[in-house]
Amino acid sequence: MTRRIDKRWRRLAPGALAGRKITFASTEEIEANPDIASEFMSAIFELDPGDYAISDESDILDFVPLDERKEKDVWARIATTYGLTQADVGTGRLVRIFEAIAARRSMQ
């Protein structure tokens, strides 16, 4: 299947990023709940470890196709699987969702 390139995308000239640094966001908070992160990514997005990269800045919308930005559908799966709503967490950031799951489990 041929990948369609959107008109907004432009190819960079060879060497356009030479000498520039890429800095990835921290994963310190994500690494506090690695088992929950792995379980969540599998249950909600059907992704296996190694199929994704997440950081402390990652959001649920980072894993929803751009043409299907249906945040409500993702939150419905989270509510069904973990009993959490967006109101419970207050944000779509994965690290906060993982913390809420861990807190809920520690109360049980």
Protein backbone atom coordinates (compact mmCIF):
# COMPACT_ATOMS: atom_id res chain seq x y z
CA MET A 1 0.00 0.00 0.00
CA THR A 2 1.41 3.37 -1.00
CA ARG A 3 1.61 5.91 1.78
CA ARG A 4 -0.09 9.16 0.88
CA ILE A 5 1.89 12.24 1.84
CA ASP A 6 -0.23 15.19 2.86
CA LYS A 7 0.37 18.44 0.97
CA ARG A 8 1.44 20.09 4.23
CA TRP A 9 4.38 17.70 4.55
CA ARG A 10 7.61 18.61 2.87
CA ARG A 11 10.72 16.53 2.54
CA LEU A 12 13.75 17.98 4.22
CA ALA A 13 16.86 18.44 2.19
CA PRO A 14 19.70 16.07 3.08
CA GLY A 15 21.69 17.54 5.96
CA ALA A 16 18.96 20.01 6.93
CA LEU A 17 19.20 18.89 10.55
CA ALA A 18 22.96 18.37 10.63
CA GLY A 19 24.52 19.65 13.83
CA ARG A 20 21.18 19.98 15.61
CA LYS A 21 20.30 18.11 18.78
CA ILE A 22 17.09 16.31 19.51
CA THR A 23 16.14 16.25 23.16
CA PHE A 24 13.57 13.74 24.30
CA ALA A 25 11.25 14.48 27.19
CA SER A 26 11.97 12.83 30.51
CA THR A 27 10.60 9.38 31.31
CA GLU A 28 11.28 9.56 35.04
CA GLU A 29 7.61 9.70 36.07
CA ILE A 30 6.54 7.09 33.51
CA GLU A 31 9.20 4.73 34.85
CA ALA A 32 7.56 4.92 38.30
CA ASN A 33 4.72 2.71 36.99
CA PRO A 34 6.19 0.54 34.22
CA ASP A 35 3.77 -2.37 34.72
CA ILE A 36 0.74 -0.08 34.59
CA ALA A 37 2.14 1.67 31.51
CA SER A 38 2.61 -1.62 29.68
CA GLU A 39 -0.80 -2.95 30.70
CA PHE A 40 -2.54 0.33 29.79
CA MET A 41 -0.95 0.64 26.35
CA SER A 42 -1.96 -2.93 25.58
CA ALA A 43 -5.51 -2.66 26.93
CA ILE A 44 -6.39 0.78 25.56
CA PHE A 45 -4.36 1.06 22.35
CA GLU A 46 -3.58 -2.62 21.62
CA LEU A 47 0.15 -1.85 21.54
CA ASP A 48 2.80 -4.25 22.79
CA PRO A 49 5.94 -3.13 24.63
CA GLY A 50 8.45 -2.00 22.04
CA ASP A 51 5.71 -0.80 19.68
CA TYR A 52 5.57 2.65 21.26
CA ALA A 53 7.66 5.26 23.02
CA ILE A 54 6.14 7.31 25.83
CA SER A 55 7.51 10.09 27.98
CA ASP A 56 6.32 12.18 30.89
CA GLU A 57 4.76 14.54 28.34
CA SER A 58 2.84 11.88 26.37
CA ASP A 59 -0.92 12.30 26.01
CA ILE A 60 -3.64 9.88 24.97
CA LEU A 61 -4.15 11.89 21.79
CA ASP A 62 -0.59 11.05 20.77
CA PHE A 63 -1.86 7.51 20.10
CA VAL A 64 -5.08 8.31 18.25
CA PRO A 65 -4.86 8.65 14.46
CA LEU A 66 -5.02 12.30 13.42
CA ASP A 67 -8.06 11.73 11.24
CA GLU A 68 -9.88 10.04 14.13
CA ARG A 69 -9.26 12.42 17.03
CA LYS A 70 -12.02 10.87 19.12
CA GLU A 71 -10.86 11.46 22.65
CA LYS A 72 -14.27 10.41 23.96
CA ASP A 73 -13.80 6.90 22.58
CA VAL A 74 -10.46 6.54 24.35
CA TRP A 75 -11.92 7.79 27.63
CA ALA A 76 -14.82 5.34 27.25
CA ARG A 77 -12.29 2.47 27.00
CA ILE A 78 -10.41 3.83 30.03
CA ALA A 79 -13.64 4.09 32.03
CA THR A 80 -14.64 0.54 31.11
CA THR A 81 -11.21 -0.94 31.82
CA TYR A 82 -10.06 1.10 34.81
CA GLY A 83 -13.16 2.86 36.15
CA LEU A 84 -11.61 6.30 35.62
CA THR A 85 -13.09 9.27 33.81
CA GLN A 86 -11.45 12.38 32.48
CA ALA A 87 -12.99 14.27 35.40
CA ASP A 88 -11.21 11.90 37.82
CA VAL A 89 -7.82 12.54 36.22
CA GLY A 90 -8.21 16.08 34.90
CA THR A 91 -5.86 15.61 31.96
CA GLY A 92 -5.07 13.28 29.09
CA ARG A 93 -1.40 12.99 30.08
CA LEU A 94 -0.51 9.34 30.43
CA VAL A 95 1.62 9.83 33.52
CA ARG A 96 -1.35 11.32 35.42
CA ILE A 97 -3.64 8.52 34.23
CA PHE A 98 -1.11 5.92 35.41
CA GLU A 99 -0.85 7.66 38.80
CA ALA A 100 -4.66 7.60 39.13
CA ILE A 101 -4.75 3.89 38.29
CA ALA A 102 -2.00 3.19 40.86
CA ALA A 103 -3.81 5.25 43.51
CA ARG A 104 -7.09 3.48 42.83
CA ARG A 105 -5.39 0.08 43.11
CA SER A 106 -3.67 1.00 46.38
CA MET A 107 -7.05 1.88 47.92
CA GLN A 108 -8.54 -1.51 47.02
